[in-house]
């Protein structure tokens, strides 16, 4: 996939999520957000359209259970079953923030180690935080819309995660 194709798909993804924020939005009916918050989120998503992101493959389930260290000390990532193309390195950091929000884990020292391993300085991470928060809302809403469309039995879990994300980042 070329960068141009990635950008086009990204804009279509954003447009879908922006257009979904309307008066008939299921997220309003489910109490995920208010009409006022919906307008705020719409502006956030519109602003994401002007941001330039890099796209690549994200593992999607970074954890110790998905790593192996060889005799030379090289770490290898296993189990790419949750991988997806998305914004890098933001997508992996969003996953980290989500787990931190839900489980209050990993601890700050572990987050620092993760950033160090990714080659991201703390001040770079701090600059990324507004985008990470906005992308977290986008991801939570998109996943919830997917769960609604596919009538996923665990819908209440997606609703809960979206509500939690709104409460934390708006």
C-alpha atoms as a PDB file:
ATOM      1  CA  UNK A   1       0.000   0.000   0.000  1.00  0.00           C
ATOM      2  CA  UNK A   2       1.398   3.393  -0.933  1.00  0.00           C
ATOM      3  CA  UNK A   3       1.453   6.441   1.325  1.00  0.00           C
ATOM      4  CA  UNK A   4      -1.115   8.096  -0.953  1.00  0.00           C
ATOM      5  CA  UNK A   5      -3.480   5.132  -0.572  1.00  0.00           C
ATOM      6  CA  UNK A   6      -2.975   5.136   3.187  1.00  0.00           C
ATOM      7  CA  UNK A   7      -3.817   8.822   3.358  1.00  0.00           C
ATOM      8  CA  UNK A   8      -6.938   8.345   1.221  1.00  0.00           C
ATOM      9  CA  UNK A   9      -8.152   5.442   3.376  1.00  0.00           C
ATOM     10  CA  UNK A  10      -7.406   7.468   6.495  1.00  0.00           C
ATOM     11  CA  UNK A  11      -9.532  10.372   5.244  1.00  0.00           C
ATOM     12  CA  UNK A  12     -12.386   7.994   4.368  1.00  0.00           C
ATOM     13  CA  UNK A  13     -12.141   6.491   7.863  1.00  0.00           C
ATOM     14  CA  UNK A  14     -12.301   9.951   9.410  1.00  0.00           C
ATOM     15  CA  UNK A  15     -15.200  11.008   7.171  1.00  0.00           C
ATOM     16  CA  UNK A  16     -17.204   7.918   8.169  1.00  0.00           C
ATOM     17  CA  UNK A  17     -16.701   8.712  11.848  1.00  0.00           C
ATOM     18  CA  UNK A  18     -17.458  12.414  11.357  1.00  0.00           C
ATOM     19  CA  UNK A  19     -20.644  11.719   9.380  1.00  0.00           C
ATOM     20  CA  UNK A  20     -21.770   9.268  12.081  1.00  0.00           C
ATOM     21  CA  UNK A  21     -21.821  12.108  14.606  1.00  0.00           C
ATOM     22  CA  UNK A  22     -25.342  13.252  13.753  1.00  0.00           C
ATOM     23  CA  UNK A  23     -28.717  13.635  15.471  1.00  0.00           C
ATOM     24  CA  UNK A  24     -29.540   9.942  14.921  1.00  0.00           C
ATOM     25  CA  UNK A  25     -26.210   8.706  16.282  1.00  0.00           C
ATOM     26  CA  UNK A  26     -26.483   5.469  18.265  1.00  0.00           C
ATOM     27  CA  UNK A  27     -23.770   6.774  20.592  1.00  0.00           C
ATOM     28  CA  UNK A  28     -26.169   9.499  21.720  1.00  0.00           C
ATOM     29  CA  UNK A  29     -28.909   6.940  22.279  1.00  0.00           C
ATOM     30  CA  UNK A  30     -26.532   4.742  24.291  1.00  0.00           C
ATOM     31  CA  UNK A  31     -25.490   7.670  26.485  1.00  0.00           C
ATOM     32  CA  UNK A  32     -21.871   7.494  25.380  1.00  0.00           C
ATOM     33  CA  UNK A  33     -21.826  11.239  24.778  1.00  0.00           C
ATOM     34  CA  UNK A  34     -24.091  14.264  24.818  1.00  0.00           C
ATOM     35  CA  UNK A  35     -25.022  16.403  21.827  1.00  0.00           C
ATOM     36  CA  UNK A  36     -22.583  19.058  23.066  1.00  0.00           C
ATOM     37  CA  UNK A  37     -19.797  16.482  23.333  1.00  0.00           C
ATOM     38  CA  UNK A  38     -20.712  15.182  19.876  1.00  0.00           C
ATOM     39  CA  UNK A  39     -20.019  18.635  18.418  1.00  0.00           C
ATOM     40  CA  UNK A  40     -16.695  18.786  20.245  1.00  0.00           C
ATOM     41  CA  UNK A  41     -15.742  15.331  18.964  1.00  0.00           C
ATOM     42  CA  UNK A  42     -16.761  16.303  15.431  1.00  0.00           C
ATOM     43  CA  UNK A  43     -14.330  19.242  15.598  1.00  0.00           C
ATOM     44  CA  UNK A  44     -11.599  16.984  16.985  1.00  0.00           C
ATOM     45  CA  UNK A  45     -12.073  14.493  14.137  1.00  0.00           C
ATOM     46  CA  UNK A  46     -12.191  17.314  11.561  1.00  0.00           C
ATOM     47  CA  UNK A  47      -8.883  18.633  12.916  1.00  0.00           C
ATOM     48  CA  UNK A  48      -7.326  15.174  12.607  1.00  0.00           C
ATOM     49  CA  UNK A  49      -7.868  15.455   8.839  1.00  0.00           C
ATOM     50  CA  UNK A  50      -5.187  18.148   8.648  1.00  0.00           C
ATOM     51  CA  UNK A  51      -2.658  16.202  10.716  1.00  0.00           C
ATOM     52  CA  UNK A  52       0.054  14.322   8.845  1.00  0.00           C
ATOM     53  CA  UNK A  53       0.544  10.826  10.201  1.00  0.00           C
ATOM     54  CA  UNK A  54       2.766   7.947   9.151  1.00  0.00           C
ATOM     55  CA  UNK A  55       1.033   4.625   8.545  1.00  0.00           C
ATOM     56  CA  UNK A  56       2.425   1.188   9.071  1.00  0.00           C
ATOM     57  CA  UNK A  57       1.828  -2.232  10.578  1.00  0.00           C
ATOM     58  CA  UNK A  58       1.071  -2.289  14.303  1.00  0.00           C
ATOM     59  CA  UNK A  59       1.305  -5.471  16.347  1.00  0.00           C
ATOM     60  CA  UNK A  60      -1.839  -4.726  18.355  1.00  0.00           C
ATOM     61  CA  UNK A  61      -1.049  -6.969  21.329  1.00  0.00           C
ATOM     62  CA  UNK A  62       2.329  -6.023  22.717  1.00  0.00           C
ATOM     63  CA  UNK A  63       2.968  -8.031  25.856  1.00  0.00           C
ATOM     64  CA  UNK A  64       5.600 -10.300  27.323  1.00  0.00           C
ATOM     65  CA  UNK A  65       3.633 -13.382  26.270  1.00  0.00           C
ATOM     66  CA  UNK A  66       4.120 -12.314  22.652  1.00  0.00           C
ATOM     67  CA  UNK A  67       7.885 -12.000  22.821  1.00  0.00           C
ATOM     68  CA  UNK A  68      10.812 -14.356  22.757  1.00  0.00           C
ATOM     69  CA  UNK A  69      14.466 -13.557  23.324  1.00  0.00           C
ATOM     70  CA  UNK A  70      17.024 -15.519  21.334  1.00  0.00           C
ATOM     71  CA  UNK A  71      20.514 -16.550  22.515  1.00  0.00           C
ATOM     72  CA  UNK A  72      21.970 -13.321  21.159  1.00  0.00           C
ATOM     73  CA  UNK A  73      19.542 -11.259  23.260  1.00  0.00           C
ATOM     74  CA  UNK A  74      17.451 -10.120  20.310  1.00  0.00           C
ATOM     75  CA  UNK A  75      13.766  -9.733  21.118  1.00  0.00           C
ATOM     76  CA  UNK A  76      11.301 -11.102  18.567  1.00  0.00           C
ATOM     77  CA  UNK A  77       7.584 -10.311  18.438  1.00  0.00           C
ATOM     78  CA  UNK A  78       5.285 -13.303  18.040  1.00  0.00           C
ATOM     79  CA  UNK A  79       1.560 -13.723  17.331  1.00  0.00           C
ATOM     80  CA  UNK A  80       0.722 -11.024  14.852  1.00  0.00           C
ATOM     81  CA  UNK A  81      -2.955 -12.086  14.802  1.00  0.00           C
ATOM     82  CA  UNK A  82      -4.102  -8.711  16.152  1.00  0.00           C
ATOM     83  CA  UNK A  83      -1.941  -6.692  13.753  1.00  0.00           C
ATOM     84  CA  UNK A  84      -3.426  -3.930  11.659  1.00  0.00           C
ATOM     85  CA  UNK A  85      -2.298  -1.052   9.515  1.00  0.00           C
ATOM     86  CA  UNK A  86      -2.694   2.220  11.346  1.00  0.00           C
ATOM     87  CA  UNK A  87      -0.933   5.338  12.533  1.00  0.00           C
ATOM     88  CA  UNK A  88       2.569   4.590  13.850  1.00  0.00           C
ATOM     89  CA  UNK A  89       3.734   4.708  16.562  1.00  0.00           C
ATOM     90  CA  UNK A  90       0.470   6.181  17.847  1.00  0.00           C
ATOM     91  CA  UNK A  91      -1.572   2.999  17.548  1.00  0.00           C
ATOM     92  CA  UNK A  92       0.682   1.019  19.890  1.00  0.00           C
ATOM     93  CA  UNK A  93       0.772   3.944  22.332  1.00  0.00           C
ATOM     94  CA  UNK A  94      -3.029   4.169  22.256  1.00  0.00           C
ATOM     95  CA  UNK A  95      -3.174   0.491  23.238  1.00  0.00           C
ATOM     96  CA  UNK A  96      -0.798   1.261  26.099  1.00  0.00           C
ATOM     97  CA  UNK A  97      -2.985   4.171  27.253  1.00  0.00           C
ATOM     98  CA  UNK A  98      -6.111   2.012  27.006  1.00  0.00           C
ATOM     99  CA  UNK A  99      -4.645  -0.697  29.224  1.00  0.00           C
ATOM    100  CA  UNK A 100      -3.362   1.958  31.616  1.00  0.00           C
ATOM    101  CA  UNK A 101      -6.854   3.511  31.752  1.00  0.00           C
ATOM    102  CA  UNK A 102      -8.615   0.183  32.322  1.00  0.00           C
ATOM    103  CA  UNK A 103      -6.167  -1.530  34.649  1.00  0.00           C
ATOM    104  CA  UNK A 104      -3.961   1.308  35.919  1.00  0.00           C
ATOM    105  CA  UNK A 105      -1.123  -0.726  34.511  1.00  0.00           C
ATOM    106  CA  UNK A 106       1.604  -0.463  33.241  1.00  0.00           C
ATOM    107  CA  UNK A 107       3.244   1.759  35.837  1.00  0.00           C
ATOM    108  CA  UNK A 108       5.011   4.980  34.866  1.00  0.00           C
ATOM    109  CA  UNK A 109       8.430   3.286  34.937  1.00  0.00           C
ATOM    110  CA  UNK A 110       7.182   0.629  32.519  1.00  0.00           C
ATOM    111  CA  UNK A 111       5.739   3.283  30.214  1.00  0.00           C
ATOM    112  CA  UNK A 112       9.121   5.034  30.272  1.00  0.00           C
ATOM    113  CA  UNK A 113      10.835   1.747  29.381  1.00  0.00           C
ATOM    114  CA  UNK A 114       8.376   1.204  26.526  1.00  0.00           C
ATOM    115  CA  UNK A 115       9.005   4.707  25.178  1.00  0.00           C
ATOM    116  CA  UNK A 116      12.749   4.163  25.481  1.00  0.00           C
ATOM    117  CA  UNK A 117      12.496   0.877  23.585  1.00  0.00           C
ATOM    118  CA  UNK A 118      10.493   2.596  20.873  1.00  0.00           C
ATOM    119  CA  UNK A 119      13.086   5.396  20.711  1.00  0.00           C
ATOM    120  CA  UNK A 120      10.637   8.059  21.858  1.00  0.00           C
ATOM    121  CA  UNK A 121      11.902  10.710  24.267  1.00  0.00           C
ATOM    122  CA  UNK A 122       9.615  11.775  27.104  1.00  0.00           C
ATOM    123  CA  UNK A 123       9.223  15.309  25.683  1.00  0.00           C
ATOM    124  CA  UNK A 124       8.288  13.820  22.274  1.00  0.00           C
ATOM    125  CA  UNK A 125       5.675  11.675  24.002  1.00  0.00           C
ATOM    126  CA  UNK A 126       4.279  14.712  25.833  1.00  0.00           C
ATOM    127  CA  UNK A 127       3.909  16.491  22.473  1.00  0.00           C
ATOM    128  CA  UNK A 128       2.090  13.435  21.086  1.00  0.00           C
ATOM    129  CA  UNK A 129      -0.398  13.202  23.973  1.00  0.00           C
ATOM    130  CA  UNK A 130      -3.095  15.474  22.481  1.00  0.00           C
ATOM    131  CA  UNK A 131      -3.100  13.398  19.285  1.00  0.00           C
ATOM    132  CA  UNK A 132      -3.029  10.173  21.302  1.00  0.00           C
ATOM    133  CA  UNK A 133      -6.066  11.260  23.294  1.00  0.00           C
ATOM    134  CA  UNK A 134      -7.966  12.313  20.168  1.00  0.00           C
ATOM    135  CA  UNK A 135      -7.049   9.100  18.370  1.00  0.00           C
ATOM    136  CA  UNK A 136      -8.156   7.123  21.436  1.00  0.00           C
ATOM    137  CA  UNK A 137     -11.617   8.681  21.189  1.00  0.00           C
ATOM    138  CA  UNK A 138     -11.718   7.968  17.457  1.00  0.00           C
ATOM    139  CA  UNK A 139     -10.709   4.350  17.996  1.00  0.00           C
ATOM    140  CA  UNK A 140     -13.181   3.780  20.845  1.00  0.00           C
ATOM    141  CA  UNK A 141     -16.049   5.222  18.805  1.00  0.00           C
ATOM    142  CA  UNK A 142     -15.120   3.314  15.677  1.00  0.00           C
ATOM    143  CA  UNK A 143     -14.859   0.018  17.582  1.00  0.00           C
ATOM    144  CA  UNK A 144     -18.231   0.675  19.229  1.00  0.00           C
ATOM    145  CA  UNK A 145     -19.851   1.448  15.870  1.00  0.00           C
ATOM    146  CA  UNK A 146     -18.397  -1.801  14.532  1.00  0.00           C
ATOM    147  CA  UNK A 147     -19.827  -3.711  17.522  1.00  0.00           C
ATOM    148  CA  UNK A 148     -23.236  -2.104  16.966  1.00  0.00           C
ATOM    149  CA  UNK A 149     -23.243  -2.882  13.241  1.00  0.00           C
ATOM    150  CA  UNK A 150     -22.216  -6.502  13.800  1.00  0.00           C
ATOM    151  CA  UNK A 151     -24.496  -6.952  16.840  1.00  0.00           C
ATOM    152  CA  UNK A 152     -21.600  -8.150  18.979  1.00  0.00           C
ATOM    153  CA  UNK A 153     -22.896  -9.827  22.178  1.00  0.00           C
ATOM    154  CA  UNK A 154     -20.338  -7.932  24.287  1.00  0.00           C
ATOM    155  CA  UNK A 155     -21.748  -4.577  23.149  1.00  0.00           C
ATOM    156  CA  UNK A 156     -21.958  -3.310  26.714  1.00  0.00           C
ATOM    157  CA  UNK A 157     -18.179  -3.709  27.040  1.00  0.00           C
ATOM    158  CA  UNK A 158     -17.635  -1.500  23.985  1.00  0.00           C
ATOM    159  CA  UNK A 159     -20.144   1.040  25.329  1.00  0.00           C
ATOM    160  CA  UNK A 160     -18.346   1.054  28.673  1.00  0.00           C
ATOM    161  CA  UNK A 161     -14.932   1.529  27.036  1.00  0.00           C
ATOM    162  CA  UNK A 162     -16.226   4.397  24.888  1.00  0.00           C
ATOM    163  CA  UNK A 163     -17.831   6.090  27.916  1.00  0.00           C
ATOM    164  CA  UNK A 164     -14.601   5.693  29.870  1.00  0.00           C
ATOM    165  CA  UNK A 165     -12.604   7.190  27.006  1.00  0.00           C
ATOM    166  CA  UNK A 166     -14.977  10.177  26.755  1.00  0.00           C
ATOM    167  CA  UNK A 167     -14.809  10.752  30.507  1.00  0.00           C
ATOM    168  CA  UNK A 168     -11.025  10.598  30.497  1.00  0.00           C
ATOM    169  CA  UNK A 169     -10.139  12.535  27.346  1.00  0.00           C
ATOM    170  CA  UNK A 170     -12.910  15.090  26.668  1.00  0.00           C
END
